[in-house]
Amino acid sequence: MELFIYLFAALFSVLNPIGTVPIFVGLTQDDSKKERSRISLWTAINVFIILIVSFFIGQYVLVFFGISIDALRIAGGIIIVSSGFSLLSGEFSKKRGITKQAESDAQGRNDIALTPLAIPMLAGPGSISLLIAFYQEHHSTSEIIISSLAILAIAIAIFIILKSAHYLAKILGASGIVAISRIVGFIVIAIGIQYIVSAIINIIKTNLL
């Protein structure tokens, strides 16, 4: 249960579906309620597929390119910290490539569930590197099952949040969403720093031995 909660909380912080609410509202403002539900569902499904593939296949990508797990932790930690700072500064969407031009282009397309919502807005390099590193430390059968359930739970949470996005935007308001995003940003920075520190400590221990 602790493993489930840890991975769920880490992914929720890095993905930050609450911070995606304003973007989702903007991209779907002219859509019907049924269409919004469909987009929410497919966004969640796409995120689940991206995360689960990263979790299971990521290790082979590391082997193929000769990247050590500690190098991945440091790189992933830097990306996660950068995402955290962009959340604190209110430039999260810009960091994820959601500019006014990108938003306008997305509104002109029929399906936005894969891009820009699933990628890069939700599932980005930070979450992918987090999962790859997590698999290296938790790869027993029971841990894999629990981790997969945590990823599924995140996808369900994303679906619920996006499906309720227009209501959340009204209830929380712009200031409420900003406040939540900045709290989440602080947590994201802490997660990123922890990954970097853990990698550095492991490198030092390995060299000393």
N, C-alpha and C. Protein backbone atom coordinates (compact mmCIF):
# COMPACT_ATOMS: atom_id res chain seq x y z
N MET A 1 0.84 -1.21 0.00
CA MET A 1 0.00 0.00 0.00
C MET A 1 0.87 1.26 0.00
N GLU A 2 1.97 1.21 0.76
CA GLU A 2 2.88 2.36 0.82
C GLU A 2 3.50 2.62 -0.55
N LEU A 3 3.86 1.54 -1.25
CA LEU A 3 4.45 1.66 -2.58
C LEU A 3 3.43 2.28 -3.55
N PHE A 4 2.20 1.84 -3.46
CA PHE A 4 1.12 2.36 -4.31
C PHE A 4 0.93 3.86 -4.09
N ILE A 5 0.85 4.25 -2.82
CA ILE A 5 0.62 5.66 -2.47
C ILE A 5 1.81 6.52 -2.92
N TYR A 6 3.03 6.00 -2.70
CA TYR A 6 4.24 6.76 -3.07
C TYR A 6 4.28 7.02 -4.57
N LEU A 7 4.07 5.96 -5.38
CA LEU A 7 4.14 6.12 -6.83
C LEU A 7 2.98 6.98 -7.34
N PHE A 8 1.81 6.77 -6.79
CA PHE A 8 0.65 7.56 -7.19
C PHE A 8 0.89 9.04 -6.91
N ALA A 9 1.37 9.35 -5.71
CA ALA A 9 1.61 10.74 -5.31
C ALA A 9 2.71 11.37 -6.17
N ALA A 10 3.78 10.59 -6.44
CA ALA A 10 4.88 11.11 -7.25
C ALA A 10 4.41 11.41 -8.68
N LEU A 11 3.67 10.48 -9.27
CA LEU A 11 3.17 10.67 -10.63
C LEU A 11 2.16 11.82 -10.69
N PHE A 12 1.28 11.88 -9.69
CA PHE A 12 0.28 12.94 -9.66
C PHE A 12 0.95 14.32 -9.61
N SER A 13 2.01 14.40 -8.82
CA SER A 13 2.73 15.67 -8.68
C SER A 13 3.42 16.06 -9.98
N VAL A 14 4.07 15.08 -10.62
CA VAL A 14 4.82 15.37 -11.84
C VAL A 14 3.88 15.63 -13.03
N LEU A 15 2.83 14.82 -13.15
CA LEU A 15 1.87 14.99 -14.24
C LEU A 15 1.03 16.25 -14.06
N ASN A 16 0.68 16.53 -12.80
CA ASN A 16 -0.11 17.72 -12.43
C ASN A 16 -1.37 17.90 -13.28
N PRO A 17 -2.31 16.96 -13.19
CA PRO A 17 -3.55 17.09 -13.97
C PRO A 17 -4.38 18.33 -13.61
N ILE A 18 -4.26 18.82 -12.37
CA ILE A 18 -4.97 20.03 -11.97
C ILE A 18 -4.49 21.22 -12.81
N GLY A 19 -3.18 21.27 -13.02
CA GLY A 19 -2.61 22.36 -13.82
C GLY A 19 -3.02 22.31 -15.28
N THR A 20 -3.50 21.13 -15.72
CA THR A 20 -3.94 20.97 -17.11
C THR A 20 -5.37 21.47 -17.32
N VAL A 21 -6.09 21.66 -16.22
CA VAL A 21 -7.50 22.06 -16.30
C VAL A 21 -7.73 23.31 -17.16
N PRO A 22 -6.98 24.41 -16.94
CA PRO A 22 -7.21 25.62 -17.77
C PRO A 22 -6.98 25.37 -19.26
N ILE A 23 -5.94 24.57 -19.58
CA ILE A 23 -5.64 24.26 -20.98
C ILE A 23 -6.79 23.44 -21.58
N PHE A 24 -7.25 22.43 -20.83
CA PHE A 24 -8.34 21.58 -21.30
C PHE A 24 -9.60 22.41 -21.54
N VAL A 25 -9.91 23.30 -20.61
CA VAL A 25 -11.09 24.16 -20.73
C VAL A 25 -10.97 25.03 -21.98
N GLY A 26 -9.79 25.59 -22.20
CA GLY A 26 -9.58 26.44 -23.37
C GLY A 26 -9.70 25.69 -24.68
N LEU A 27 -9.19 24.45 -24.71
CA LEU A 27 -9.20 23.67 -25.95
C LEU A 27 -10.57 23.07 -26.26
N THR A 28 -11.41 22.91 -25.22
CA THR A 28 -12.70 22.24 -25.42
C THR A 28 -13.90 23.15 -25.16
N GLN A 29 -13.67 24.45 -25.14
CA GLN A 29 -14.75 25.38 -24.80
C GLN A 29 -15.92 25.35 -25.79
N ASP A 30 -15.67 24.96 -27.04
CA ASP A 30 -16.73 24.91 -28.04
C ASP A 30 -17.29 23.51 -28.26
N ASP A 31 -16.80 22.54 -27.47
CA ASP A 31 -17.25 21.15 -27.63
C ASP A 31 -18.45 20.85 -26.74
N SER A 32 -19.21 19.82 -27.13
CA SER A 32 -20.35 19.39 -26.33
C SER A 32 -19.86 18.61 -25.12
N LYS A 33 -20.75 18.39 -24.15
CA LYS A 33 -20.40 17.65 -22.95
C LYS A 33 -19.98 16.23 -23.28
N LYS A 34 -20.65 15.62 -24.26
CA LYS A 34 -20.32 14.27 -24.69
C LYS A 34 -18.93 14.22 -25.30
N GLU A 35 -18.61 15.22 -26.11
CA GLU A 35 -17.30 15.27 -26.76
C GLU A 35 -16.19 15.50 -25.73
N ARG A 36 -16.46 16.33 -24.73
CA ARG A 36 -15.47 16.54 -23.66
C ARG A 36 -15.19 15.25 -22.91
N SER A 37 -16.25 14.47 -22.65
CA SER A 37 -16.09 13.19 -21.96
C SER A 37 -15.25 12.24 -22.80
N ARG A 38 -15.48 12.25 -24.11
CA ARG A 38 -14.71 11.37 -25.00
C ARG A 38 -13.23 11.76 -25.01
N ILE A 39 -12.98 13.05 -25.09
CA ILE A 39 -11.59 13.54 -25.09
C ILE A 39 -10.92 13.22 -23.76
N SER A 40 -11.65 13.38 -22.66
CA SER A 40 -11.12 13.07 -21.33
C SER A 40 -10.74 11.59 -21.23
N LEU A 41 -11.63 10.73 -21.73
CA LEU A 41 -11.39 9.28 -21.68
C LEU A 41 -10.17 8.90 -22.49
N TRP A 42 -10.08 9.40 -23.72
CA TRP A 42 -8.96 9.03 -24.58
C TRP A 42 -7.64 9.65 -24.14
N THR A 43 -7.71 10.80 -23.52
CA THR A 43 -6.49 11.39 -22.94
C THR A 43 -5.97 10.50 -21.84
N ALA A 44 -6.87 10.03 -20.97
CA ALA A 44 -6.48 9.14 -19.87
C ALA A 44 -5.92 7.82 -20.40
N ILE A 45 -6.57 7.27 -21.43
CA ILE A 45 -6.09 6.01 -22.02
C ILE A 45 -4.71 6.19 -22.63
N ASN A 46 -4.52 7.29 -23.36
CA ASN A 46 -3.22 7.57 -23.98
C ASN A 46 -2.12 7.73 -22.94
N VAL A 47 -2.43 8.45 -21.86
CA VAL A 47 -1.45 8.63 -20.78
C VAL A 47 -1.11 7.28 -20.15
N PHE A 48 -2.12 6.45 -19.92
CA PHE A 48 -1.88 5.12 -19.34
C PHE A 48 -0.95 4.29 -20.23
N ILE A 49 -1.22 4.29 -21.53
CA ILE A 49 -0.39 3.52 -22.46
C ILE A 49 1.05 4.02 -22.47
N ILE A 50 1.21 5.35 -22.52
CA ILE A 50 2.55 5.94 -22.54
C ILE A 50 3.32 5.59 -21.27
N LEU A 51 2.66 5.71 -20.13
CA LEU A 51 3.33 5.45 -18.85
C LEU A 51 3.64 3.96 -18.66
N ILE A 52 2.71 3.10 -19.02
CA ILE A 52 2.93 1.66 -18.81
C ILE A 52 4.02 1.14 -19.74
N VAL A 53 4.06 1.66 -20.97
CA VAL A 53 5.12 1.27 -21.92
C VAL A 53 6.47 1.77 -21.41
N SER A 54 6.51 3.01 -20.90
CA SER A 54 7.75 3.56 -20.35
C SER A 54 8.23 2.72 -19.17
N PHE A 55 7.29 2.29 -18.34
CA PHE A 55 7.62 1.52 -17.14
C PHE A 55 8.27 0.18 -17.50
N PHE A 56 7.72 -0.50 -18.51
CA PHE A 56 8.21 -1.85 -18.85
C PHE A 56 9.32 -1.86 -19.90
N ILE A 57 9.29 -0.93 -20.83
CA ILE A 57 10.25 -0.95 -21.95
C ILE A 57 11.44 -0.03 -21.71
N GLY A 58 11.28 0.95 -20.81
CA GLY A 58 12.32 1.96 -20.59
C GLY A 58 13.69 1.40 -20.28
N GLN A 59 13.74 0.31 -19.51
CA GLN A 59 15.02 -0.27 -19.11
C GLN A 59 15.81 -0.75 -20.33
N TYR A 60 15.12 -1.27 -21.34
CA TYR A 60 15.79 -1.76 -22.55
C TYR A 60 16.34 -0.60 -23.38
N VAL A 61 15.66 0.53 -23.32
CA VAL A 61 16.15 1.73 -24.00
C VAL A 61 17.46 2.18 -23.36
N LEU A 62 17.52 2.11 -22.02
CA LEU A 62 18.75 2.47 -21.31
C LEU A 62 19.91 1.57 -21.70
N VAL A 63 19.64 0.27 -21.76
CA VAL A 63 20.68 -0.70 -22.14
C VAL A 63 21.15 -0.44 -23.57
N PHE A 64 20.21 -0.18 -24.47
CA PHE A 64 20.53 0.03 -25.88
C PHE A 64 21.46 1.23 -26.06
N PHE A 65 21.17 2.31 -25.32
CA PHE A 65 21.97 3.53 -25.45
C PHE A 65 23.12 3.59 -24.45
N GLY A 66 23.24 2.58 -23.60
CA GLY A 66 24.34 2.54 -22.63
C GLY A 66 24.24 3.61 -21.56
N ILE A 67 23.02 3.93 -21.15
CA ILE A 67 22.80 4.95 -20.12
C ILE A 67 22.64 4.29 -18.76
N SER A 68 23.40 4.75 -17.77
CA SER A 68 23.29 4.19 -16.44
C SER A 68 22.05 4.72 -15.74
N ILE A 69 21.59 3.97 -14.75
CA ILE A 69 20.39 4.38 -14.02
C ILE A 69 20.64 5.67 -13.25
N ASP A 70 21.86 5.85 -12.76
CA ASP A 70 22.18 7.08 -12.02
C ASP A 70 22.17 8.30 -12.94
N ALA A 71 22.66 8.12 -14.18
CA ALA A 71 22.62 9.21 -15.16
C ALA A 71 21.17 9.57 -15.47
N LEU A 72 20.32 8.54 -15.57
CA LEU A 72 18.91 8.78 -15.83
C LEU A 72 18.26 9.52 -14.67
N ARG A 73 18.60 9.12 -13.44
CA ARG A 73 18.04 9.78 -12.26
C ARG A 73 18.40 11.26 -12.24
N ILE A 74 19.67 11.55 -12.55
CA ILE A 74 20.12 12.95 -12.54
C ILE A 74 19.41 13.74 -13.64
N ALA A 75 19.38 13.18 -14.86
CA ALA A 75 18.71 13.86 -15.98
C ALA A 75 17.22 14.04 -15.68
N GLY A 76 16.59 12.96 -15.20
CA GLY A 76 15.17 13.03 -14.86
C GLY A 76 14.91 14.01 -13.73
N GLY A 77 15.82 14.01 -12.75
CA GLY A 77 15.68 14.93 -11.62
C GLY A 77 15.74 16.38 -12.06
N ILE A 78 16.65 16.68 -12.99
CA ILE A 78 16.77 18.05 -13.52
C ILE A 78 15.49 18.46 -14.24
N ILE A 79 14.95 17.54 -15.04
CA ILE A 79 13.71 17.83 -15.78
C ILE A 79 12.56 18.06 -14.81
N ILE A 80 12.47 17.19 -13.78
CA ILE A 80 11.40 17.30 -12.80
C ILE A 80 11.50 18.61 -12.02
N VAL A 81 12.73 18.96 -11.61
CA VAL A 81 12.94 20.23 -10.90
C VAL A 81 12.55 21.41 -11.79
N SER A 82 12.92 21.33 -13.07
CA SER A 82 12.57 22.39 -14.02
C SER A 82 11.05 22.53 -14.13
N SER A 83 10.35 21.38 -14.17
CA SER A 83 8.88 21.41 -14.23
C SER A 83 8.31 22.05 -12.97
N GLY A 84 8.93 21.72 -11.82
CA GLY A 84 8.48 22.29 -10.56
C GLY A 84 8.62 23.80 -10.52
N PHE A 85 9.75 24.29 -11.02
CA PHE A 85 9.98 25.74 -11.05
C PHE A 85 9.00 26.43 -12.00
N SER A 86 8.69 25.76 -13.13
CA SER A 86 7.74 26.35 -14.07
C SER A 86 6.34 26.38 -13.49
N LEU A 87 6.02 25.41 -12.63
CA LEU A 87 4.73 25.44 -11.92
C LEU A 87 4.69 26.60 -10.94
N LEU A 88 5.79 26.82 -10.23
CA LEU A 88 5.84 27.92 -9.27
C LEU A 88 5.78 29.28 -9.95
N SER A 89 6.37 29.36 -11.14
CA SER A 89 6.41 30.64 -11.85
C SER A 89 5.18 30.88 -12.72
N GLY A 90 4.34 29.84 -12.83
CA GLY A 90 3.13 29.97 -13.63
C GLY A 90 3.36 29.80 -15.12
N GLU A 91 4.49 29.20 -15.51
CA GLU A 91 4.80 29.02 -16.93
C GLU A 91 4.84 27.55 -17.31
N PHE A 92 4.05 26.74 -16.59
CA PHE A 92 4.05 25.29 -16.81
C PHE A 92 3.64 24.94 -18.24
N SER A 93 2.57 25.58 -18.73
CA SER A 93 2.08 25.25 -20.07
C SER A 93 3.10 25.63 -21.15
N LYS A 94 3.82 26.74 -20.94
CA LYS A 94 4.84 27.16 -21.91
C LYS A 94 5.99 26.17 -21.93
N LYS A 95 6.38 25.68 -20.74
CA LYS A 95 7.46 24.71 -20.65
C LYS A 95 7.08 23.40 -21.35
N ARG A 96 5.78 23.09 -21.35
CA ARG A 96 5.30 21.86 -21.99
C ARG A 96 4.97 22.07 -23.47
N GLY A 97 5.30 23.23 -24.00
CA GLY A 97 5.10 23.48 -25.43
C GLY A 97 3.71 23.93 -25.80
N ILE A 98 2.90 24.33 -24.81
CA ILE A 98 1.54 24.79 -25.10
C ILE A 98 1.53 26.31 -25.21
N THR A 99 1.96 26.80 -26.35
CA THR A 99 1.94 28.24 -26.61
C THR A 99 0.58 28.62 -27.19
N LYS A 100 0.37 29.91 -27.40
CA LYS A 100 -0.89 30.37 -28.00
C LYS A 100 -1.06 29.78 -29.40
N GLN A 101 0.04 29.68 -30.13
CA GLN A 101 -0.01 29.11 -31.47
C GLN A 101 -0.38 27.64 -31.44
N ALA A 102 0.25 26.90 -30.49
CA ALA A 102 -0.04 25.47 -30.35
C ALA A 102 -1.49 25.25 -29.93
N GLU A 103 -1.97 26.10 -29.02
CA GLU A 103 -3.36 26.00 -28.56
C GLU A 103 -4.32 26.27 -29.71
N SER A 104 -4.01 27.26 -30.53
CA SER A 104 -4.85 27.60 -31.68
C SER A 104 -4.88 26.47 -32.69
N ASP A 105 -3.71 25.87 -32.95
CA ASP A 105 -3.62 24.75 -33.89
C ASP A 105 -4.41 23.55 -33.37
N ALA A 106 -4.32 23.31 -32.05
CA ALA A 106 -5.01 22.18 -31.45
C ALA A 106 -6.52 22.33 -31.56
N GLN A 107 -7.00 23.56 -31.40
CA GLN A 107 -8.44 23.81 -31.49
C GLN A 107 -8.96 23.57 -32.91
N GLY A 108 -8.06 23.67 -33.87
CA GLY A 108 -8.47 23.46 -35.25
C GLY A 108 -8.49 22.00 -35.64
N ARG A 109 -7.99 21.11 -34.78
CA ARG A 109 -7.99 19.68 -35.08
C ARG A 109 -9.15 18.99 -34.38
N ASN A 110 -9.53 17.83 -34.87
CA ASN A 110 -10.66 17.10 -34.30
C ASN A 110 -10.29 16.40 -33.00
N ASP A 111 -9.07 15.86 -32.92
CA ASP A 111 -8.71 15.08 -31.75
C ASP A 111 -7.47 15.64 -31.08
N ILE A 112 -7.64 16.08 -29.84
CA ILE A 112 -6.52 16.65 -29.09
C ILE A 112 -6.11 15.74 -27.94
N ALA A 113 -6.70 14.53 -27.87
CA ALA A 113 -6.48 13.63 -26.75
C ALA A 113 -5.02 13.16 -26.66
N LEU A 114 -4.40 12.92 -27.84
CA LEU A 114 -3.00 12.46 -27.82
C LEU A 114 -2.05 13.64 -27.69
N THR A 115 -2.15 14.57 -28.64
CA THR A 115 -1.37 15.80 -28.55
C THR A 115 -2.31 16.99 -28.71
N PRO A 116 -2.21 18.00 -27.88
CA PRO A 116 -1.13 18.21 -26.91
C PRO A 116 -1.44 17.72 -25.49
N LEU A 117 -2.61 17.11 -25.25
CA LEU A 117 -2.99 16.78 -23.87
C LEU A 117 -2.16 15.65 -23.26
N ALA A 118 -2.20 14.44 -23.89
CA ALA A 118 -1.46 13.31 -23.32
C ALA A 118 0.04 13.57 -23.39
N ILE A 119 0.50 13.99 -24.58
CA ILE A 119 1.89 14.39 -24.80
C ILE A 119 1.88 15.76 -25.46
N PRO A 120 2.59 16.74 -24.97
CA PRO A 120 3.52 16.70 -23.84
C PRO A 120 2.93 17.24 -22.53
N MET A 121 1.64 17.63 -22.54
CA MET A 121 1.08 18.32 -21.39
C MET A 121 1.09 17.46 -20.12
N LEU A 122 0.72 16.19 -20.25
CA LEU A 122 0.65 15.32 -19.07
C LEU A 122 1.87 14.40 -18.99
N ALA A 123 1.95 13.44 -19.88
CA ALA A 123 3.07 12.50 -19.85
C ALA A 123 4.26 13.08 -20.59
N GLY A 124 5.23 13.57 -19.84
CA GLY A 124 6.42 14.17 -20.42
C GLY A 124 7.68 13.43 -19.99
N PRO A 125 8.85 13.97 -20.29
CA PRO A 125 10.13 13.34 -19.92
C PRO A 125 10.27 13.09 -18.42
N GLY A 126 9.72 14.00 -17.60
CA GLY A 126 9.84 13.84 -16.15
C GLY A 126 9.16 12.58 -15.64
N SER A 127 7.92 12.35 -16.05
CA SER A 127 7.18 11.17 -15.61
C SER A 127 7.77 9.90 -16.20
N ILE A 128 8.22 9.97 -17.44
CA ILE A 128 8.80 8.79 -18.10
C ILE A 128 10.10 8.37 -17.42
N SER A 129 10.98 9.33 -17.15
CA SER A 129 12.24 9.01 -16.48
C SER A 129 12.00 8.54 -15.05
N LEU A 130 10.99 9.12 -14.40
CA LEU A 130 10.64 8.69 -13.04
C LEU A 130 10.25 7.22 -13.02
N LEU A 131 9.44 6.80 -13.99
CA LEU A 131 8.98 5.41 -14.05
C LEU A 131 10.11 4.44 -14.40
N ILE A 132 10.98 4.86 -15.32
CA ILE A 132 12.11 3.99 -15.68
C ILE A 132 13.01 3.75 -14.47
N ALA A 133 13.30 4.83 -13.74
CA ALA A 133 14.12 4.71 -12.55
C ALA A 133 13.41 3.90 -11.46
N PHE A 134 12.11 4.07 -11.36
CA PHE A 134 11.33 3.36 -10.35
C PHE A 134 11.35 1.86 -10.61
N TYR A 135 11.30 1.47 -11.88
CA TYR A 135 11.30 0.05 -12.23
C TYR A 135 12.62 -0.62 -11.82
N GLN A 136 13.71 0.12 -11.93
CA GLN A 136 15.01 -0.44 -11.57
C GLN A 136 15.08 -0.83 -10.10
N GLU A 137 14.31 -0.13 -9.26
CA GLU A 137 14.34 -0.38 -7.83
C GLU A 137 13.20 -1.29 -7.36
N HIS A 138 12.16 -1.40 -8.16
CA HIS A 138 10.98 -2.18 -7.76
C HIS A 138 10.54 -3.05 -8.93
N HIS A 139 11.16 -4.22 -9.08
CA HIS A 139 10.83 -5.06 -10.22
C HIS A 139 10.44 -6.49 -9.83
N SER A 140 10.07 -6.71 -8.57
CA SER A 140 9.52 -8.02 -8.20
C SER A 140 8.10 -8.09 -8.74
N THR A 141 7.55 -9.29 -8.82
CA THR A 141 6.21 -9.47 -9.40
C THR A 141 5.16 -8.66 -8.66
N SER A 142 5.18 -8.72 -7.33
CA SER A 142 4.18 -7.98 -6.53
C SER A 142 4.35 -6.48 -6.71
N GLU A 143 5.60 -6.00 -6.77
CA GLU A 143 5.86 -4.57 -6.93
C GLU A 143 5.42 -4.08 -8.31
N ILE A 144 5.61 -4.92 -9.33
CA ILE A 144 5.19 -4.57 -10.69
C ILE A 144 3.67 -4.46 -10.77
N ILE A 145 2.97 -5.39 -10.11
CA ILE A 145 1.50 -5.35 -10.10
C ILE A 145 1.01 -4.10 -9.40
N ILE A 146 1.60 -3.79 -8.24
CA ILE A 146 1.20 -2.59 -7.47
C ILE A 146 1.49 -1.33 -8.27
N SER A 147 2.66 -1.29 -8.91
CA SER A 147 3.03 -0.11 -9.72
C SER A 147 2.09 0.07 -10.90
N SER A 148 1.71 -1.04 -11.54
CA SER A 148 0.78 -0.98 -12.67
C SER A 148 -0.58 -0.46 -12.21
N LEU A 149 -1.01 -0.89 -11.02
CA LEU A 149 -2.28 -0.42 -10.46
C LEU A 149 -2.22 1.08 -10.15
N ALA A 150 -1.04 1.53 -9.68
CA ALA A 150 -0.86 2.96 -9.39
C ALA A 150 -0.95 3.78 -10.68
N ILE A 151 -0.36 3.26 -11.75
CA ILE A 151 -0.42 3.95 -13.05
C ILE A 151 -1.86 3.98 -13.55
N LEU A 152 -2.58 2.87 -13.37
CA LEU A 152 -3.99 2.82 -13.76
C LEU A 152 -4.81 3.83 -12.95
N ALA A 153 -4.52 3.90 -11.65
CA ALA A 153 -5.23 4.84 -10.77
C ALA A 153 -4.99 6.29 -11.21
N ILE A 154 -3.76 6.58 -11.65
CA ILE A 154 -3.45 7.93 -12.15
C ILE A 154 -4.27 8.24 -13.41
N ALA A 155 -4.36 7.25 -14.29
CA ALA A 155 -5.14 7.44 -15.52
C ALA A 155 -6.61 7.70 -15.19
N ILE A 156 -7.15 6.97 -14.22
CA ILE A 156 -8.54 7.17 -13.80
C ILE A 156 -8.71 8.56 -13.19
N ALA A 157 -7.74 8.97 -12.37
CA ALA A 157 -7.80 10.30 -11.75
C ALA A 157 -7.77 11.40 -12.82
N ILE A 158 -6.94 11.20 -13.86
CA ILE A 158 -6.86 12.17 -14.95
C ILE A 158 -8.20 12.26 -15.67
N PHE A 159 -8.82 11.11 -15.92
CA PHE A 159 -10.13 11.09 -16.58
C PHE A 159 -11.17 11.86 -15.76
N ILE A 160 -11.21 11.60 -14.46
CA ILE A 160 -12.18 12.27 -13.58
C ILE A 160 -11.95 13.78 -13.54
N ILE A 161 -10.68 14.17 -13.42
CA ILE A 161 -10.35 15.60 -13.34
C ILE A 161 -10.67 16.33 -14.64
N LEU A 162 -10.29 15.72 -15.77
CA LEU A 162 -10.56 16.37 -17.05
C LEU A 162 -12.05 16.39 -17.37
N LYS A 163 -12.73 15.32 -17.01
CA LYS A 163 -14.18 15.26 -17.24
C LYS A 163 -14.90 16.35 -16.44
N SER A 164 -14.31 16.67 -15.27
CA SER A 164 -14.89 17.70 -14.39
C SER A 164 -14.21 19.05 -14.56
N ALA A 165 -13.36 19.18 -15.57
CA ALA A 165 -12.52 20.37 -15.72
C ALA A 165 -13.31 21.68 -15.74
N HIS A 166 -14.40 21.70 -16.49
CA HIS A 166 -15.17 22.94 -16.61
C HIS A 166 -15.83 23.32 -15.28
N TYR A 167 -16.22 22.30 -14.50
CA TYR A 167 -16.78 22.56 -13.18
C TYR A 167 -15.69 23.02 -12.21
N LEU A 168 -14.52 22.35 -12.28
CA LEU A 168 -13.40 22.72 -11.41
C LEU A 168 -12.95 24.15 -11.68
N ALA A 169 -12.93 24.51 -12.95
CA ALA A 169 -12.50 25.87 -13.33
C ALA A 169 -13.43 26.91 -12.72
N LYS A 170 -14.72 26.58 -12.68
CA LYS A 170 -15.70 27.51 -12.09
C LYS A 170 -15.57 27.57 -10.58
N ILE A 171 -15.40 26.39 -9.95
CA ILE A 171 -15.34 26.32 -8.49
C ILE A 171 -14.04 26.92 -7.95
N LEU A 172 -12.91 26.48 -8.52
CA LEU A 172 -11.60 26.93 -8.02
C LEU A 172 -11.25 28.33 -8.51
N GLY A 173 -11.65 28.64 -9.74
CA GLY A 173 -11.26 29.91 -10.33
C GLY A 173 -9.79 29.89 -10.72
N ALA A 174 -9.37 30.90 -11.42
CA ALA A 174 -7.98 30.97 -11.88
C ALA A 174 -7.00 31.01 -10.71
N SER A 175 -7.34 31.77 -9.66
CA SER A 175 -6.44 31.90 -8.51
C SER A 175 -6.32 30.58 -7.75
N GLY A 176 -7.42 29.84 -7.66
CA GLY A 176 -7.39 28.56 -6.97
C GLY A 176 -6.52 27.54 -7.67
N ILE A 177 -6.63 27.50 -9.00
CA ILE A 177 -5.82 26.57 -9.79
C ILE A 177 -4.34 26.93 -9.70
N VAL A 178 -4.06 28.23 -9.73
CA VAL A 178 -2.67 28.70 -9.60
C VAL A 178 -2.09 28.32 -8.24
N ALA A 179 -2.89 28.49 -7.18
CA ALA A 179 -2.44 28.16 -5.83
C ALA A 179 -2.12 26.68 -5.70
N ILE A 180 -3.00 25.82 -6.22
CA ILE A 180 -2.77 24.38 -6.16
C ILE A 180 -1.54 24.01 -6.98
N SER A 181 -1.42 24.60 -8.16
CA SER A 181 -0.27 24.30 -9.02
C SER A 181 1.06 24.67 -8.36
N ARG A 182 1.06 25.75 -7.61
CA ARG A 182 2.31 26.17 -6.95
C ARG A 182 2.65 25.29 -5.76
N ILE A 183 1.63 24.81 -5.07
CA ILE A 183 1.88 23.84 -3.98
C ILE A 183 2.45 22.56 -4.57
N VAL A 184 1.82 22.09 -5.66
CA VAL A 184 2.30 20.89 -6.34
C VAL A 184 3.70 21.12 -6.88
N GLY A 185 3.97 22.33 -7.39
CA GLY A 185 5.29 22.65 -7.91
C GLY A 185 6.39 22.48 -6.88
N PHE A 186 6.10 22.89 -5.64
CA PHE A 186 7.08 22.73 -4.56
C PHE A 186 7.37 21.25 -4.31
N ILE A 187 6.32 20.42 -4.32
CA ILE A 187 6.49 18.98 -4.12
C ILE A 187 7.29 18.38 -5.27
N VAL A 188 7.00 18.83 -6.49
CA VAL A 188 7.71 18.33 -7.67
C VAL A 188 9.20 18.64 -7.59
N ILE A 189 9.54 19.85 -7.16
CA ILE A 189 10.95 20.23 -6.99
C ILE A 189 11.63 19.30 -5.98
N ALA A 190 10.95 19.01 -4.87
CA ALA A 190 11.51 18.13 -3.84
C ALA A 190 11.75 16.72 -4.40
N ILE A 191 10.81 16.22 -5.21
CA ILE A 191 10.97 14.90 -5.82
C ILE A 191 12.19 14.89 -6.75
N GLY A 192 12.32 15.92 -7.57
CA GLY A 192 13.45 16.01 -8.49
C GLY A 192 14.79 16.07 -7.78
N ILE A 193 14.86 16.88 -6.73
CA ILE A 193 16.10 17.00 -5.95
C ILE A 193 16.45 15.67 -5.29
N GLN A 194 15.42 14.97 -4.79
CA GLN A 194 15.65 13.67 -4.15
C GLN A 194 16.24 12.68 -5.15
N TYR A 195 15.77 12.70 -6.39
CA TYR A 195 16.32 11.82 -7.42
C TYR A 195 17.79 12.14 -7.69
N ILE A 196 18.11 13.42 -7.76
CA ILE A 196 19.49 13.84 -8.03
C ILE A 196 20.40 13.45 -6.88
N VAL A 197 19.96 13.73 -5.65
CA VAL A 197 20.75 13.41 -4.45
C VAL A 197 20.99 11.90 -4.35
N SER A 198 19.94 11.11 -4.58
CA SER A 198 20.08 9.65 -4.51
C SER A 198 21.09 9.13 -5.51
N ALA A 199 21.06 9.70 -6.73
CA ALA A 199 21.99 9.27 -7.78
C ALA A 199 23.43 9.64 -7.40
N ILE A 200 23.63 10.84 -6.89
CA ILE A 200 24.98 11.29 -6.51
C ILE A 200 25.54 10.44 -5.37
N ILE A 201 24.70 10.15 -4.38
CA ILE A 201 25.12 9.31 -3.25
C ILE A 201 25.50 7.92 -3.74
N ASN A 202 24.70 7.37 -4.66
CA ASN A 202 24.98 6.03 -5.20
C ASN A 202 26.28 6.01 -6.00
N ILE A 203 26.54 7.07 -6.77
CA ILE A 203 27.78 7.17 -7.55
C ILE A 203 28.99 7.23 -6.61
N ILE A 204 28.88 8.01 -5.54
CA ILE A 204 29.97 8.15 -4.57
C ILE A 204 30.24 6.81 -3.88
N LYS A 205 29.19 6.13 -3.46
CA LYS A 205 29.33 4.82 -2.81
C LYS A 205 29.99 3.80 -3.74
N THR A 206 29.55 3.80 -5.00
CA THR A 206 30.11 2.86 -5.99
C THR A 206 31.58 3.11 -6.23
N ASN A 207 31.98 4.38 -6.35
CA ASN A 207 33.39 4.72 -6.58
C ASN A 207 34.26 4.42 -5.38
N LEU A 208 33.70 4.60 -4.17
CA LEU A 208 34.47 4.32 -2.96
C LEU A 208 34.71 2.82 -2.78
N LEU A 209 33.72 2.04 -3.22
CA LEU A 209 33.85 0.59 -3.10
C LEU A 209 34.74 0.03 -4.21
